[in-house]
Amino acid sequence: MDRPGVPALYHKPLLFVLSRFITPFTEVGMTRHEELEQDIVGLLDGNAPRSLEDLIARLPAYSWNEIFGAVDRLTRESRLVLLRPKPSQYLVALHPVDHLSRYTPAA
């Protein structure tokens, strides 16, 4: 179906052409959130608690907001706990944290 003088892009339905470049937001967002949550749990699995700053430094592919949001979600789901060893310091650890009895959970 060649048309002289018309770019090949216009030979196909526009939706087909754009579908290669556009993915529904929820699919991309959910996948990225799930990957980030998996990365956070992987960093904490078998390791000592980490500060939020440490997680941010070790996960450069994600923004501060994404990491903070993922930690918030995982904490609300009781998959992570926030620990407060000092009044102005918070650490993130997997839940339950039996071996860290010297820390008090953040209020």
C-alpha atoms as a PDB file:
ATOM      1  CA  MET A   1       0.000   0.000   0.000  1.00  0.00           C
ATOM      2  CA  ASP A   2       2.662   2.482  -1.043  1.00  0.00           C
ATOM      3  CA  ARG A   3       1.572   6.026  -1.567  1.00  0.00           C
ATOM      4  CA  PRO A   4       4.018   8.276  -3.365  1.00  0.00           C
ATOM      5  CA  GLY A   5       5.120  11.258  -1.289  1.00  0.00           C
ATOM      6  CA  VAL A   6       3.627   9.913   1.989  1.00  0.00           C
ATOM      7  CA  PRO A   7       6.097   8.766   4.673  1.00  0.00           C
ATOM      8  CA  ALA A   8       5.912   5.076   5.587  1.00  0.00           C
ATOM      9  CA  LEU A   9       4.842   6.046   9.107  1.00  0.00           C
ATOM     10  CA  TYR A  10       1.428   7.031   7.774  1.00  0.00           C
ATOM     11  CA  HIS A  11       0.869   3.703   6.054  1.00  0.00           C
ATOM     12  CA  LYS A  12       0.161   1.959   9.349  1.00  0.00           C
ATOM     13  CA  PRO A  13      -2.541   2.841  11.827  1.00  0.00           C
ATOM     14  CA  LEU A  14      -1.175   5.465  14.241  1.00  0.00           C
ATOM     15  CA  LEU A  15      -2.064   3.445  17.321  1.00  0.00           C
ATOM     16  CA  PHE A  16       0.081   0.544  16.111  1.00  0.00           C
ATOM     17  CA  VAL A  17       3.055   2.835  15.576  1.00  0.00           C
ATOM     18  CA  LEU A  18       2.679   4.541  18.960  1.00  0.00           C
ATOM     19  CA  SER A  19       2.087   1.294  20.865  1.00  0.00           C
ATOM     20  CA  ARG A  20       5.764   0.442  20.419  1.00  0.00           C
ATOM     21  CA  PHE A  21       6.718   3.561  22.367  1.00  0.00           C
ATOM     22  CA  ILE A  22       3.905   3.942  24.886  1.00  0.00           C
ATOM     23  CA  THR A  23       3.195   1.489  27.678  1.00  0.00           C
ATOM     24  CA  PRO A  24       0.279   2.061  30.031  1.00  0.00           C
ATOM     25  CA  PHE A  25       1.461   3.995  33.112  1.00  0.00           C
ATOM     26  CA  THR A  26       0.162   1.464  35.627  1.00  0.00           C
ATOM     27  CA  GLU A  27       2.072  -1.387  33.999  1.00  0.00           C
ATOM     28  CA  VAL A  28       5.371   0.523  33.993  1.00  0.00           C
ATOM     29  CA  GLY A  29       4.803   1.938  37.495  1.00  0.00           C
ATOM     30  CA  MET A  30       3.903  -1.386  39.044  1.00  0.00           C
ATOM     31  CA  THR A  31       6.833  -3.159  37.461  1.00  0.00           C
ATOM     32  CA  ARG A  32       9.283  -0.479  38.575  1.00  0.00           C
ATOM     33  CA  HIS A  33       7.834  -0.484  42.105  1.00  0.00           C
ATOM     34  CA  GLU A  34       8.061  -4.254  42.318  1.00  0.00           C
ATOM     35  CA  GLU A  35      11.652  -4.243  41.073  1.00  0.00           C
ATOM     36  CA  LEU A  36      12.619  -1.549  43.563  1.00  0.00           C
ATOM     37  CA  GLU A  37      10.974  -3.377  46.451  1.00  0.00           C
ATOM     38  CA  GLN A  38      12.788  -6.561  45.418  1.00  0.00           C
ATOM     39  CA  ASP A  39      16.102  -4.658  45.281  1.00  0.00           C
ATOM     40  CA  ILE A  40      15.563  -3.178  48.756  1.00  0.00           C
ATOM     41  CA  VAL A  41      14.680  -6.536  50.292  1.00  0.00           C
ATOM     42  CA  GLY A  42      17.701  -8.073  48.534  1.00  0.00           C
ATOM     43  CA  LEU A  43      20.028  -5.457  50.030  1.00  0.00           C
ATOM     44  CA  LEU A  44      18.633  -6.034  53.509  1.00  0.00           C
ATOM     45  CA  ASP A  45      18.397  -9.834  53.349  1.00  0.00           C
ATOM     46  CA  GLY A  46      21.054 -11.331  55.594  1.00  0.00           C
ATOM     47  CA  ASN A  47      22.651  -7.959  56.286  1.00  0.00           C
ATOM     48  CA  ALA A  48      22.617  -5.507  59.131  1.00  0.00           C
ATOM     49  CA  PRO A  49      20.054  -2.698  59.038  1.00  0.00           C
ATOM     50  CA  ARG A  50      20.847   0.124  56.643  1.00  0.00           C
ATOM     51  CA  SER A  51      20.139   3.824  56.720  1.00  0.00           C
ATOM     52  CA  LEU A  52      17.900   5.360  54.094  1.00  0.00           C
ATOM     53  CA  GLU A  53      20.934   7.261  52.813  1.00  0.00           C
ATOM     54  CA  ASP A  54      22.791   3.971  52.348  1.00  0.00           C
ATOM     55  CA  LEU A  55      19.882   2.505  50.376  1.00  0.00           C
ATOM     56  CA  ILE A  56      19.824   5.609  48.178  1.00  0.00           C
ATOM     57  CA  ALA A  57      23.577   5.340  47.546  1.00  0.00           C
ATOM     58  CA  ARG A  58      23.332   1.624  46.686  1.00  0.00           C
ATOM     59  CA  LEU A  59      20.338   2.033  44.366  1.00  0.00           C
ATOM     60  CA  PRO A  60      21.411   4.828  41.983  1.00  0.00           C
ATOM     61  CA  ALA A  61      18.860   3.842  39.322  1.00  0.00           C
ATOM     62  CA  TYR A  62      16.043   5.067  41.575  1.00  0.00           C
ATOM     63  CA  SER A  63      15.228   8.524  42.909  1.00  0.00           C
ATOM     64  CA  TRP A  64      15.086   9.448  46.588  1.00  0.00           C
ATOM     65  CA  ASN A  65      11.291   9.723  46.315  1.00  0.00           C
ATOM     66  CA  GLU A  66      10.939   6.251  44.799  1.00  0.00           C
ATOM     67  CA  ILE A  67      13.079   4.654  47.506  1.00  0.00           C
ATOM     68  CA  PHE A  68      11.317   6.518  50.311  1.00  0.00           C
ATOM     69  CA  GLY A  69       7.932   5.494  48.876  1.00  0.00           C
ATOM     70  CA  ALA A  70       8.972   1.853  48.585  1.00  0.00           C
ATOM     71  CA  VAL A  71      10.298   1.794  52.165  1.00  0.00           C
ATOM     72  CA  ASP A  72       7.026   3.357  53.313  1.00  0.00           C
ATOM     73  CA  ARG A  73       4.942   0.733  51.452  1.00  0.00           C
ATOM     74  CA  LEU A  74       7.077  -2.179  52.687  1.00  0.00           C
ATOM     75  CA  THR A  75       6.883  -0.871  56.257  1.00  0.00           C
ATOM     76  CA  ARG A  76       3.094  -0.555  56.077  1.00  0.00           C
ATOM     77  CA  GLU A  77       2.951  -4.138  54.748  1.00  0.00           C
ATOM     78  CA  SER A  78       5.106  -5.245  57.737  1.00  0.00           C
ATOM     79  CA  ARG A  79       7.854  -6.484  55.447  1.00  0.00           C
ATOM     80  CA  LEU A  80      10.309  -3.905  56.827  1.00  0.00           C
ATOM     81  CA  VAL A  81      10.731  -2.192  60.169  1.00  0.00           C
ATOM     82  CA  LEU A  82      12.188   1.184  60.988  1.00  0.00           C
ATOM     83  CA  LEU A  83      14.646   1.173  63.862  1.00  0.00           C
ATOM     84  CA  ARG A  84      15.773   4.186  65.848  1.00  0.00           C
ATOM     85  CA  PRO A  85      19.126   3.555  67.568  1.00  0.00           C
ATOM     86  CA  LYS A  86      19.555   7.297  68.236  1.00  0.00           C
ATOM     87  CA  PRO A  87      16.964  10.071  68.452  1.00  0.00           C
ATOM     88  CA  SER A  88      17.800  11.467  64.988  1.00  0.00           C
ATOM     89  CA  GLN A  89      18.836   8.251  63.208  1.00  0.00           C
ATOM     90  CA  TYR A  90      16.599   5.737  61.467  1.00  0.00           C
ATOM     91  CA  LEU A  91      17.619   2.371  60.076  1.00  0.00           C
ATOM     92  CA  VAL A  92      15.678   0.051  57.779  1.00  0.00           C
ATOM     93  CA  ALA A  93      15.670  -3.715  58.389  1.00  0.00           C
ATOM     94  CA  LEU A  94      13.706  -6.769  57.349  1.00  0.00           C
ATOM     95  CA  HIS A  95      10.816  -7.762  59.604  1.00  0.00           C
ATOM     96  CA  PRO A  96      10.962  -9.622  62.006  1.00  0.00           C
ATOM     97  CA  VAL A  97      14.283  -8.522  63.431  1.00  0.00           C
ATOM     98  CA  ASP A  98      15.031 -10.843  66.332  1.00  0.00           C
ATOM     99  CA  HIS A  99      18.802 -10.325  66.343  1.00  0.00           C
ATOM    100  CA  LEU A 100      18.519  -6.553  66.851  1.00  0.00           C
ATOM    101  CA  SER A 101      16.910  -6.437  70.273  1.00  0.00           C
ATOM    102  CA  ARG A 102      19.175  -3.532  71.309  1.00  0.00           C
ATOM    103  CA  TYR A 103      17.330  -1.236  68.872  1.00  0.00           C
ATOM    104  CA  THR A 104      13.902   0.155  69.586  1.00  0.00           C
ATOM    105  CA  PRO A 105      11.313   0.259  66.791  1.00  0.00           C
ATOM    106  CA  ALA A 106      10.497   3.773  65.604  1.00  0.00           C
ATOM    107  CA  ALA A 107       7.217   5.137  66.826  1.00  0.00           C
END
